[in-house]
Amino acid sequence: MLAKIFSFGVRGVQGYPVLVELDLANGLPAYATVGLPDSAVRESRERVTAAVRNSGYRFPGKRITVNLAPAQARKEGTHFDLPIALALLSASGQLAAGDWSGRYCFIGELALDGALRPVPGVTAMALQAREQGFAGIVIPAANAAEARAIGLPAYGASSLREVADFLRAGGSFPPAPAPPAATLPQPAVEDLSEVKGQSLAKKALEIAAAGGHNILLIGPPGVGKSMLARRLVGLLPPLTPGEALEVTRVHSVSQKAGAAAGLATARPFRAPHHTSSHVSLIGGGPSARPGETSLAHGGVLFLDELAEFNRPALESLRQPLEEGRVCIARARDSVEYPARFLLAAATNPCPCGWRGHPQRPCVCTPPAVAKYLSRLSGPLLDRIDLQVELSPLAFSDWAQTPEASPEESTAVVRARVLEARKLQRRRFESSDFAVNAYIPAGLLRKHCFLDPKALELLELTAGRLALSARGLDRLLRVARTIADLGGSRAVRSQDLAGASRFRSLDSLAAAV
């Protein structure tokens, strides 16, 4: 007897259909799985055997062959347990065949007692199932909200027995309740008003949030670099429906908490430790899992102590910063993940941290400073639009009470950011980019028209800062964002002058 059940696999963040074929033949009892299964799929034999028996069904003592088609694609994960078990029950006559085998797809990991456990990647698989025209999807109950959030009818079951009873009853999907919103792990709520002083750095944060620009904060310990960077995510606008779907899909594939509850509503904030390897940042490993750059897609990637990261890890950021994606190549295949994030970085100016401090002397030798900063290569810095040097806060400023010297709150600054984003949406409504940081070089002069006076100032700035062509483009994009925050249609000379303030790293350049 032969039975066929539809399921799905995951490649990167894309699902692809998998046909589970099971054949029962006479002969000595045996169980074989073919179709390039990984170890987790091969081990399904033991899980399926125990789950079928413990669910009250008979396990046939025949020669069992399971084929996962297409055979040339490697199959990974434990979510093929459920379709294999259903194919076994159908082929052995314990579950009547019906049109359900062609209308629905099945995903789920089986426990030894027949219970269904949640699996990663359901968002990607459910999206593909919807595109393939399936009437619905049968999955573990813990994953049901994740599938329903994208509009696909989903039946969330708790056990193999429940799925079989559901199919015997005709497979009528119950009305889907409104899925709850997922909330990705976020840092504690922190307000920009808690940071005293540092007006230039706060302005840079506002520009970064308004135009999607990368930002680097440089200064001695204790000046507020980390405090400022951690408040950047609170200035960003809410996720659009498309962004929410992308964020949920990446976190679902990577088995991160929160994805199974529904579509994400909060922008991701990722802050990996400076000992992280380039694989953990970019992604990879035996299963080519997404790294921190992809987990930060749609949100903020915060790299504290930037100069303490190893050089290969930092250099691996070049492609995602430039292209908004990561391509992980292997000998047999390559996987692409989205990685359009806002980079916020902070670093000390030297190993001891006190270089440039007005009162504490730096004890680092010039070679030590040069070695420390050499990890921040020119090409990497060229991809960071806003580079701000912070100075220590004066005691008089620190001692002032909030009532005597009120600081702007996150809500006030965020309101200006949202207005600037509205201008950009109207300007780029027919384009595949949404913020100034992603304006293609060929459209820069169209969206950032300069009069002769502004063009002359740009030429002087390029010579003074020794900017590359990419640096010039990024300077122009920042000026466009400053103009948007000021409500100006044209990029004025003062906007260019303001942008050039965030490209000057004279003290760092002198040290290297």
Protein backbone atom coordinates (compact mmCIF):
# COMPACT_ATOMS: atom_id res chain seq x y z
CA MET A 1 0.00 0.00 0.00
CA LEU A 2 1.15 3.51 -0.81
CA ALA A 3 0.17 6.76 0.90
CA LYS A 4 1.09 10.36 0.10
CA ILE A 5 0.95 13.31 2.50
CA PHE A 6 2.00 16.92 1.84
CA SER A 7 4.35 18.79 4.14
CA PHE A 8 6.91 21.58 3.83
CA GLY A 9 10.58 22.21 4.41
CA VAL A 10 12.51 25.43 5.02
CA ARG A 11 15.45 26.79 3.06
CA GLY A 12 16.69 30.05 4.51
CA VAL A 13 13.48 31.95 5.26
CA GLN A 14 11.57 30.39 2.35
CA GLY A 15 9.35 27.34 2.59
CA TYR A 16 9.19 24.68 -0.12
CA PRO A 17 6.72 21.80 -0.59
CA VAL A 18 7.75 18.27 0.39
CA LEU A 19 5.73 15.21 -0.59
CA VAL A 20 5.96 12.46 2.03
CA GLU A 21 5.52 9.07 0.34
CA LEU A 22 5.25 5.88 2.41
CA ASP A 23 5.13 2.38 1.00
CA LEU A 24 4.21 -0.80 2.91
CA ALA A 25 5.52 -4.01 1.35
CA ASN A 26 5.65 -7.64 2.36
CA GLY A 27 8.93 -8.96 3.65
CA LEU A 28 11.06 -8.84 6.75
CA PRO A 29 10.15 -5.87 8.99
CA ALA A 30 12.34 -2.89 8.13
CA TYR A 31 12.14 0.90 8.10
CA ALA A 32 14.11 3.10 5.69
CA THR A 33 13.95 6.83 5.02
CA VAL A 34 15.27 8.22 1.74
CA GLY A 35 15.34 11.67 0.14
CA LEU A 36 18.47 13.20 1.74
CA PRO A 37 17.23 13.19 5.35
CA ASP A 38 19.41 14.61 8.10
CA SER A 39 19.89 12.84 11.43
CA ALA A 40 16.77 14.45 12.97
CA VAL A 41 14.64 13.11 10.11
CA ARG A 42 16.21 9.64 10.28
CA GLU A 43 15.51 9.51 14.02
CA SER A 44 11.83 10.07 13.27
CA ARG A 45 11.58 6.30 12.87
CA GLU A 46 11.85 5.82 16.64
CA ARG A 47 9.52 8.71 17.47
CA VAL A 48 6.89 7.65 14.94
CA THR A 49 7.01 4.01 16.05
CA ALA A 50 6.48 4.85 19.72
CA ALA A 51 3.90 7.58 19.01
CA VAL A 52 1.77 5.28 16.81
CA ARG A 53 1.75 2.50 19.39
CA ASN A 54 1.16 4.78 22.38
CA SER A 55 -1.71 6.49 20.54
CA GLY A 56 -3.58 3.16 20.41
CA TYR A 57 -2.76 2.20 16.81
CA ARG A 58 -1.11 -0.88 15.38
CA PHE A 59 2.40 -0.53 13.99
CA PRO A 60 2.59 -2.78 10.89
CA GLY A 61 5.29 -5.45 10.87
CA LYS A 62 6.19 -4.92 7.20
CA ARG A 63 8.89 -3.37 5.08
CA ILE A 64 8.37 0.39 5.35
CA THR A 65 9.97 2.84 2.91
CA VAL A 66 9.59 6.60 3.42
CA ASN A 67 10.57 8.94 0.60
CA LEU A 68 10.76 12.71 1.00
CA ALA A 69 10.43 14.37 -2.41
CA PRO A 70 12.07 16.22 -4.03
CA ALA A 71 14.89 13.82 -3.26
CA GLN A 72 17.68 16.22 -4.29
CA ALA A 73 16.87 18.75 -1.52
CA ARG A 74 18.28 18.03 1.91
CA LYS A 75 15.53 17.63 4.55
CA GLU A 76 16.17 18.95 8.04
CA GLY A 77 14.18 19.11 11.25
CA THR A 78 11.67 17.10 13.23
CA HIS A 79 8.50 18.52 11.68
CA PHE A 80 8.13 15.57 9.26
CA ASP A 81 7.10 13.27 12.15
CA LEU A 82 3.37 14.03 11.83
CA PRO A 83 3.02 13.55 8.06
CA ILE A 84 5.06 10.32 8.24
CA ALA A 85 2.82 8.95 11.01
CA LEU A 86 -0.35 9.89 9.10
CA ALA A 87 1.00 8.28 5.94
CA LEU A 88 1.72 5.13 7.96
CA LEU A 89 -1.82 5.02 9.36
CA SER A 90 -3.31 5.65 5.90
CA ALA A 91 -1.18 3.02 4.15
CA SER A 92 -2.01 0.42 6.80
CA GLY A 93 -5.77 1.08 6.53
CA GLN A 94 -6.15 2.51 10.05
CA LEU A 95 -7.03 5.94 8.66
CA ALA A 96 -9.37 6.11 5.67
CA ALA A 97 -7.91 7.86 2.66
CA GLY A 98 -9.72 10.97 1.53
CA ASP A 99 -9.33 14.26 -0.26
CA TRP A 100 -7.72 15.67 2.90
CA SER A 101 -4.36 14.25 1.79
CA GLY A 102 -4.31 16.66 -1.15
CA ARG A 103 -6.07 19.63 0.42
CA TYR A 104 -4.13 20.01 3.64
CA CYS A 105 -0.48 19.97 4.59
CA PHE A 106 0.84 18.62 7.89
CA ILE A 107 3.68 19.77 10.12
CA GLY A 108 4.67 18.71 13.61
CA GLU A 109 7.09 16.88 15.87
CA LEU A 110 5.82 13.82 17.76
CA ALA A 111 6.61 12.96 21.36
CA LEU A 112 6.86 9.27 22.26
CA ASP A 113 3.35 9.37 23.76
CA GLY A 114 1.88 10.84 20.57
CA ALA A 115 1.75 14.45 21.75
CA LEU A 116 2.55 17.18 19.22
CA ARG A 117 5.39 19.57 19.98
CA PRO A 118 5.97 22.99 18.36
CA VAL A 119 8.51 23.34 15.57
CA PRO A 120 10.44 26.30 14.11
CA GLY A 121 9.84 27.86 10.70
CA VAL A 122 6.04 27.60 10.65
CA THR A 123 5.63 31.16 9.32
CA ALA A 124 7.79 30.41 6.27
CA MET A 125 6.04 27.10 5.63
CA ALA A 126 2.54 28.53 6.10
CA LEU A 127 3.28 31.38 3.68
CA GLN A 128 4.36 28.90 1.03
CA ALA A 129 1.33 26.69 1.73
CA ARG A 130 -0.92 29.70 1.13
CA GLU A 131 0.86 30.45 -2.15
CA GLN A 132 0.55 26.80 -3.21
CA GLY A 133 -3.22 26.96 -2.72
CA PHE A 134 -3.66 24.54 0.19
CA ALA A 135 -7.02 24.75 1.95
CA GLY A 136 -5.40 24.67 5.37
CA ILE A 137 -2.54 23.49 7.52
CA VAL A 138 -2.52 21.06 10.46
CA ILE A 139 0.15 21.90 13.01
CA PRO A 140 0.90 21.68 16.75
CA ALA A 141 -1.41 23.82 18.87
CA ALA A 142 1.52 25.93 20.04
CA ASN A 143 2.16 27.03 16.44
CA ALA A 144 -1.46 27.70 15.47
CA ALA A 145 -1.43 31.46 16.11
CA GLU A 146 1.72 31.81 14.02
CA ALA A 147 0.01 30.30 10.96
CA ARG A 148 -3.32 32.07 11.49
CA ALA A 149 -1.55 35.42 11.71
CA ILE A 150 -0.82 35.28 7.98
CA GLY A 151 -4.42 34.40 7.07
CA LEU A 152 -4.12 30.66 6.45
CA PRO A 153 -6.76 28.38 8.02
CA ALA A 154 -4.94 26.35 10.64
CA TYR A 155 -5.92 23.49 12.90
CA GLY A 156 -3.80 23.34 16.02
CA ALA A 157 -3.76 19.82 17.45
CA SER A 158 -2.26 18.52 20.67
CA SER A 159 -1.71 14.88 19.65
CA LEU A 160 -1.59 12.38 16.80
CA ARG A 161 -4.88 10.89 17.98
CA GLU A 162 -6.56 14.31 17.82
CA VAL A 163 -5.35 14.82 14.23
CA ALA A 164 -6.66 11.40 13.18
CA ASP A 165 -10.06 12.10 14.78
CA PHE A 166 -10.13 15.49 13.06
CA LEU A 167 -9.55 13.89 9.66
CA ARG A 168 -12.14 11.13 10.28
CA ALA A 169 -14.69 13.83 11.07
CA GLY A 170 -14.16 15.41 7.66
CA GLY A 171 -11.42 17.91 8.49
CA SER A 172 -13.65 20.94 9.10
CA PHE A 173 -11.55 23.82 10.38
CA PRO A 174 -12.99 25.69 13.36
CA PRO A 175 -13.35 29.48 13.13
CA ALA A 176 -9.93 31.01 13.70
CA PRO A 177 -9.79 33.40 16.65
CA ALA A 178 -7.95 36.68 16.25
CA PRO A 179 -4.28 35.82 16.70
CA PRO A 180 -2.44 37.57 19.51
CA ALA A 181 0.44 39.85 18.63
CA ALA A 182 3.92 38.58 19.31
CA THR A 183 6.34 40.63 21.33
CA LEU A 184 10.01 40.01 20.72
CA PRO A 185 12.31 40.26 23.73
CA GLN A 186 13.03 43.94 24.33
CA PRO A 187 15.25 45.83 26.73
CA ALA A 188 13.63 47.65 29.63
CA VAL A 189 11.66 50.74 28.64
CA GLU A 190 14.15 53.61 28.63
CA ASP A 191 13.43 57.23 27.82
CA LEU A 192 15.71 59.67 26.05
CA SER A 193 15.01 62.29 28.72
CA GLU A 194 17.02 60.21 31.20
CA VAL A 195 20.23 61.11 29.34
CA LYS A 196 21.55 64.48 30.45
CA GLY A 197 23.34 66.76 28.05
CA GLN A 198 24.92 65.33 24.85
CA SER A 199 22.69 67.44 22.62
CA LEU A 200 24.74 66.69 19.49
CA ALA A 201 24.54 62.95 20.06
CA LYS A 202 20.79 63.17 20.67
CA LYS A 203 20.38 65.06 17.42
CA ALA A 204 22.38 62.34 15.68
CA LEU A 205 20.04 59.69 17.13
CA GLU A 206 17.06 61.61 15.80
CA ILE A 207 18.60 61.82 12.33
CA ALA A 208 19.50 58.12 12.44
CA ALA A 209 15.94 57.13 13.32
CA ALA A 210 14.37 59.50 10.79
CA GLY A 211 16.47 58.41 7.81
CA GLY A 212 17.57 54.88 8.74
CA HIS A 213 21.23 55.91 9.04
CA ASN A 214 23.92 53.91 10.84
CA ILE A 215 25.51 55.66 13.81
CA LEU A 216 28.78 55.38 15.74
CA LEU A 217 29.24 56.99 19.17
CA ILE A 218 32.83 57.57 20.32
CA GLY A 219 33.98 58.81 23.70
CA PRO A 220 35.51 58.03 27.10
CA PRO A 221 33.78 55.67 29.54
CA GLY A 222 30.69 57.01 31.27
CA VAL A 223 29.72 59.74 28.79
CA GLY A 224 26.43 58.01 27.87
CA LYS A 225 27.25 56.10 24.67
CA SER A 226 25.42 52.92 25.62
CA MET A 227 22.53 54.78 27.23
CA LEU A 228 21.94 56.72 24.03
CA ALA A 229 22.27 53.73 21.71
CA ARG A 230 19.80 51.64 23.72
CA ARG A 231 17.19 54.38 23.37
CA LEU A 232 17.39 54.44 19.58
CA VAL A 233 14.87 51.63 19.05
CA GLY A 234 12.24 53.67 20.93
CA LEU A 235 12.49 56.44 18.32
CA LEU A 236 11.68 54.19 15.36
CA PRO A 237 8.18 54.04 13.84
CA PRO A 238 5.97 50.94 14.27
CA LEU A 239 6.51 47.97 12.01
CA THR A 240 4.51 47.96 8.79
CA PRO A 241 2.55 44.75 8.03
CA GLY A 242 5.21 43.69 5.52
CA GLU A 243 8.04 44.34 7.97
CA ALA A 244 6.19 42.48 10.73
CA LEU A 245 5.86 39.44 8.49
CA GLU A 246 9.57 39.51 7.59
CA VAL A 247 10.63 39.88 11.23
CA THR A 248 8.34 37.05 12.34
CA ARG A 249 9.58 34.76 9.58
CA VAL A 250 13.25 35.24 10.49
CA HIS A 251 12.64 34.69 14.19
CA SER A 252 10.45 31.67 13.47
CA VAL A 253 13.19 30.02 11.41
CA SER A 254 15.80 30.77 14.07
CA GLN A 255 13.66 29.23 16.84
CA LYS A 256 13.57 32.49 18.81
CA ALA A 257 10.98 33.14 21.51
CA GLY A 258 7.93 35.20 20.61
CA ALA A 259 7.47 34.15 16.98
CA ALA A 260 4.97 31.39 17.78
CA ALA A 261 2.57 33.89 19.37
CA GLY A 262 1.72 35.66 16.10
CA LEU A 263 3.06 38.53 14.03
CA ALA A 264 5.70 40.68 15.69
CA THR A 265 4.72 44.21 16.65
CA ALA A 266 7.97 45.42 18.26
CA ARG A 267 11.12 46.18 16.30
CA PRO A 268 14.00 43.83 17.20
CA PHE A 269 16.87 45.07 19.32
CA ARG A 270 19.96 42.85 19.28
CA ALA A 271 23.06 43.54 21.35
CA PRO A 272 25.64 40.73 20.91
CA HIS A 273 28.71 40.62 23.15
CA HIS A 274 31.99 41.86 21.72
CA THR A 275 33.43 38.32 21.87
CA SER A 276 30.92 37.19 19.22
CA SER A 277 32.38 35.47 16.17
CA HIS A 278 31.68 36.42 12.58
CA VAL A 279 29.49 33.30 12.25
CA SER A 280 27.28 34.40 15.14
CA LEU A 281 26.97 37.87 13.59
CA ILE A 282 26.38 36.90 9.97
CA GLY A 283 24.95 33.41 10.37
CA GLY A 284 26.09 29.98 9.29
CA GLY A 285 27.02 26.81 11.07
CA PRO A 286 26.05 23.29 9.96
CA SER A 287 22.44 24.33 9.30
CA ALA A 288 23.24 27.85 7.99
CA ARG A 289 21.10 29.52 10.65
CA PRO A 290 20.54 33.30 10.60
CA GLY A 291 22.93 35.40 12.68
CA GLU A 292 22.52 38.59 14.68
CA THR A 293 22.40 40.76 11.55
CA SER A 294 19.32 38.89 10.31
CA LEU A 295 17.72 38.69 13.76
CA ALA A 296 18.03 42.50 13.85
CA HIS A 297 16.27 42.82 10.47
CA GLY A 298 13.77 45.67 10.71
CA GLY A 299 15.26 46.91 13.97
CA VAL A 300 18.52 47.88 15.65
CA LEU A 301 21.82 45.99 15.92
CA PHE A 302 23.79 47.49 18.80
CA LEU A 303 27.51 46.72 18.92
CA ASP A 304 28.90 48.04 22.19
CA GLU A 305 32.70 48.28 22.51
CA LEU A 306 32.98 48.13 18.72
CA ALA A 307 36.79 48.18 18.65
CA GLU A 308 36.86 45.10 20.92
CA PHE A 309 35.19 42.93 18.26
CA ASN A 310 37.64 40.88 16.23
CA ARG A 311 38.51 42.21 12.79
CA PRO A 312 36.92 39.37 10.72
CA ALA A 313 33.62 39.82 12.58
CA LEU A 314 33.53 43.54 11.84
CA GLU A 315 34.54 43.16 8.21
CA SER A 316 31.78 40.60 7.71
CA LEU A 317 29.28 43.44 8.29
CA ARG A 318 30.16 45.13 4.99
CA GLN A 319 27.71 43.21 2.78
CA PRO A 320 24.64 43.51 5.04
CA LEU A 321 25.35 47.21 5.68
CA GLU A 322 25.55 47.87 1.94
CA GLU A 323 22.98 45.45 0.51
CA GLY A 324 20.60 44.68 3.38
CA ARG A 325 21.00 40.93 2.98
CA VAL A 326 23.35 38.08 3.87
CA CYS A 327 24.26 35.26 1.50
CA ILE A 328 25.70 32.18 3.24
CA ALA A 329 27.37 29.95 0.66
CA ARG A 330 28.07 26.26 1.12
CA ALA A 331 29.61 23.68 -1.20
CA ARG A 332 26.22 22.24 -2.19
CA ASP A 333 23.95 25.24 -1.74
CA SER A 334 23.63 28.86 -0.66
CA VAL A 335 21.08 30.51 1.63
CA GLU A 336 20.05 34.16 1.68
CA TYR A 337 18.67 35.97 4.73
CA PRO A 338 17.33 39.53 4.97
CA ALA A 339 19.54 41.85 7.05
CA ARG A 340 18.21 45.40 6.69
CA PHE A 341 18.97 46.79 10.13
CA LEU A 342 20.04 50.07 11.69
CA LEU A 343 23.55 49.76 13.12
CA ALA A 344 24.23 51.57 16.39
CA ALA A 345 27.79 51.20 17.63
CA ALA A 346 29.78 52.60 20.54
CA THR A 347 33.50 52.55 21.22
CA ASN A 348 36.19 54.07 23.38
CA PRO A 349 38.83 56.18 21.58
CA CYS A 350 41.73 54.05 22.89
CA PRO A 351 42.45 50.94 25.00
CA CYS A 352 42.46 52.83 28.31
CA GLY A 353 39.48 54.87 27.19
CA TRP A 354 40.67 58.31 28.32
CA ARG A 355 42.14 59.69 25.12
CA GLY A 356 40.77 63.20 24.56
CA HIS A 357 39.43 63.50 28.11
CA PRO A 358 39.95 67.07 29.39
CA GLN A 359 41.09 65.95 32.87
CA ARG A 360 42.24 62.32 32.84
CA PRO A 361 45.42 61.64 30.84
CA CYS A 362 45.63 58.80 28.35
CA VAL A 363 48.33 56.22 29.18
CA CYS A 364 48.24 54.47 25.80
CA THR A 365 51.21 54.63 23.44
CA PRO A 366 50.56 55.76 19.86
CA PRO A 367 51.19 52.23 18.50
CA ALA A 368 48.70 50.82 21.00
CA VAL A 369 46.07 53.35 19.95
CA ALA A 370 46.74 52.66 16.28
CA LYS A 371 46.42 48.91 16.81
CA TYR A 372 43.21 49.36 18.79
CA LEU A 373 41.54 51.52 16.16
CA SER A 374 42.88 49.55 13.20
CA ARG A 375 40.02 47.10 13.73
CA LEU A 376 37.72 49.85 12.47
CA SER A 377 38.73 49.78 8.83
CA GLY A 378 38.16 52.63 6.40
CA PRO A 379 35.61 50.68 4.33
CA LEU A 380 33.61 49.89 7.48
CA LEU A 381 33.62 53.48 8.75
CA ASP A 382 32.66 54.62 5.26
CA ARG A 383 29.39 52.70 5.68
CA ILE A 384 28.50 54.46 8.93
CA ASP A 385 26.71 57.70 8.12
CA LEU A 386 26.80 59.38 11.52
CA GLN A 387 29.99 59.42 13.58
CA VAL A 388 29.74 61.42 16.80
CA GLU A 389 32.40 62.19 19.40
CA LEU A 390 31.03 62.64 22.91
CA SER A 391 32.64 64.69 25.68
CA PRO A 392 32.33 64.15 29.44
CA LEU A 393 29.37 65.78 31.14
CA ALA A 394 30.20 68.78 33.30
CA PHE A 395 29.33 68.44 36.99
CA SER A 396 27.03 71.46 36.85
CA ASP A 397 25.02 69.80 34.09
CA TRP A 398 24.91 66.49 35.97
CA ALA A 399 23.76 68.20 39.19
CA GLN A 400 20.82 69.99 37.58
CA THR A 401 17.43 68.56 38.44
CA PRO A 402 15.03 67.50 35.65
CA GLU A 403 12.71 70.34 36.63
CA ALA A 404 15.45 72.94 36.28
CA SER A 405 16.74 71.60 32.95
CA PRO A 406 14.12 69.36 31.28
CA GLU A 407 15.29 67.07 28.50
CA GLU A 408 13.20 66.10 25.49
CA SER A 409 11.43 62.81 25.95
CA THR A 410 11.44 59.90 23.53
CA ALA A 411 7.80 60.66 22.64
CA VAL A 412 8.60 64.24 21.58
CA VAL A 413 11.57 63.24 19.41
CA ARG A 414 9.68 60.25 17.99
CA ALA A 415 6.88 62.56 16.82
CA ARG A 416 9.39 64.50 14.69
CA VAL A 417 10.83 61.24 13.38
CA LEU A 418 7.39 60.05 12.31
CA GLU A 419 6.73 63.31 10.44
CA ALA A 420 10.03 62.96 8.59
CA ARG A 421 9.19 59.36 7.73
CA LYS A 422 5.82 60.45 6.31
CA LEU A 423 7.63 62.82 3.94
CA GLN A 424 9.88 60.00 2.80
CA ARG A 425 6.99 57.60 2.25
CA ARG A 426 5.28 60.13 0.00
CA ARG A 427 8.52 60.82 -1.86
CA PHE A 428 9.38 57.15 -2.40
CA GLU A 429 5.86 55.67 -2.67
CA SER A 430 6.59 54.16 -6.09
CA SER A 431 10.06 52.87 -5.13
CA ASP A 432 11.27 49.70 -3.43
CA PHE A 433 12.98 51.67 -0.65
CA ALA A 434 11.33 53.69 2.10
CA VAL A 435 13.95 55.86 3.82
CA ASN A 436 16.72 58.22 2.77
CA ALA A 437 19.55 55.90 3.79
CA TYR A 438 18.66 53.54 0.92
CA ILE A 439 18.33 56.05 -1.93
CA PRO A 440 20.21 54.50 -4.88
CA ALA A 441 23.19 56.48 -6.16
CA GLY A 442 21.46 57.01 -9.52
CA LEU A 443 18.53 58.81 -7.85
CA LEU A 444 20.49 60.91 -5.38
CA ARG A 445 20.65 64.03 -7.51
CA LYS A 446 16.92 63.76 -8.22
CA HIS A 447 15.89 63.59 -4.57
CA CYS A 448 18.78 65.72 -3.22
CA PHE A 449 19.02 68.55 -5.73
CA LEU A 450 21.78 71.03 -4.86
CA ASP A 451 22.01 74.66 -5.91
CA PRO A 452 25.47 76.03 -6.95
CA LYS A 453 26.19 77.32 -3.43
CA ALA A 454 25.41 73.97 -1.81
CA LEU A 455 27.43 72.15 -4.49
CA GLU A 456 30.43 74.35 -3.76
CA LEU A 457 30.13 73.60 -0.04
CA LEU A 458 29.93 69.88 -0.80
CA GLU A 459 33.16 70.10 -2.81
CA LEU A 460 34.94 71.86 0.06
CA THR A 461 33.66 69.30 2.56
CA ALA A 462 34.77 66.38 0.37
CA GLY A 463 38.30 67.80 0.18
CA ARG A 464 38.51 68.57 3.89
CA LEU A 465 37.26 65.16 5.03
CA ALA A 466 38.83 63.18 2.15
CA LEU A 467 35.50 61.50 1.44
CA SER A 468 35.18 58.65 -1.02
CA ALA A 469 32.38 58.55 -3.59
CA ARG A 470 30.39 56.36 -1.19
CA GLY A 471 31.10 58.83 1.61
CA LEU A 472 29.81 61.69 -0.52
CA ASP A 473 26.62 59.78 -1.29
CA ARG A 474 26.07 59.03 2.39
CA LEU A 475 26.74 62.65 3.34
CA LEU A 476 24.09 63.72 0.84
CA ARG A 477 21.57 61.22 2.23
CA VAL A 478 22.12 62.51 5.76
CA ALA A 479 21.63 66.09 4.52
CA ARG A 480 18.36 64.98 2.90
CA THR A 481 17.18 63.62 6.26
CA ILE A 482 18.16 66.82 8.08
CA ALA A 483 16.17 68.77 5.49
CA ASP A 484 13.17 66.48 6.05
CA LEU A 485 13.33 67.04 9.80
CA GLY A 486 13.35 70.76 9.10
CA GLY A 487 10.42 70.48 6.70
CA SER A 488 12.45 71.67 3.70
CA ARG A 489 11.84 70.38 0.18
CA ALA A 490 15.36 71.23 -1.01
CA VAL A 491 18.72 70.26 0.50
CA ARG A 492 20.16 73.56 1.69
CA SER A 493 23.70 74.59 2.52
CA GLN A 494 22.93 74.47 6.24
CA ASP A 495 21.69 70.89 5.84
CA LEU A 496 25.01 69.91 4.23
CA ALA A 497 26.93 71.72 6.94
CA GLY A 498 24.94 69.88 9.59
CA ALA A 499 25.61 66.54 7.92
CA SER A 500 29.35 67.20 7.70
CA ARG A 501 29.49 67.59 11.49
CA PHE A 502 28.76 63.88 11.76
CA ARG A 503 31.50 62.77 9.35
CA SER A 504 34.48 64.34 11.10
CA LEU A 505 36.69 61.89 13.01
CA ASP A 506 39.86 63.96 13.02
CA SER A 507 41.10 62.69 16.36
CA LEU A 508 40.64 59.07 15.35
CA ALA A 509 42.24 59.58 11.97
CA ALA A 510 45.26 61.17 13.59
CA ALA A 511 45.73 58.22 15.88
CA VAL A 512 45.67 55.51 13.22
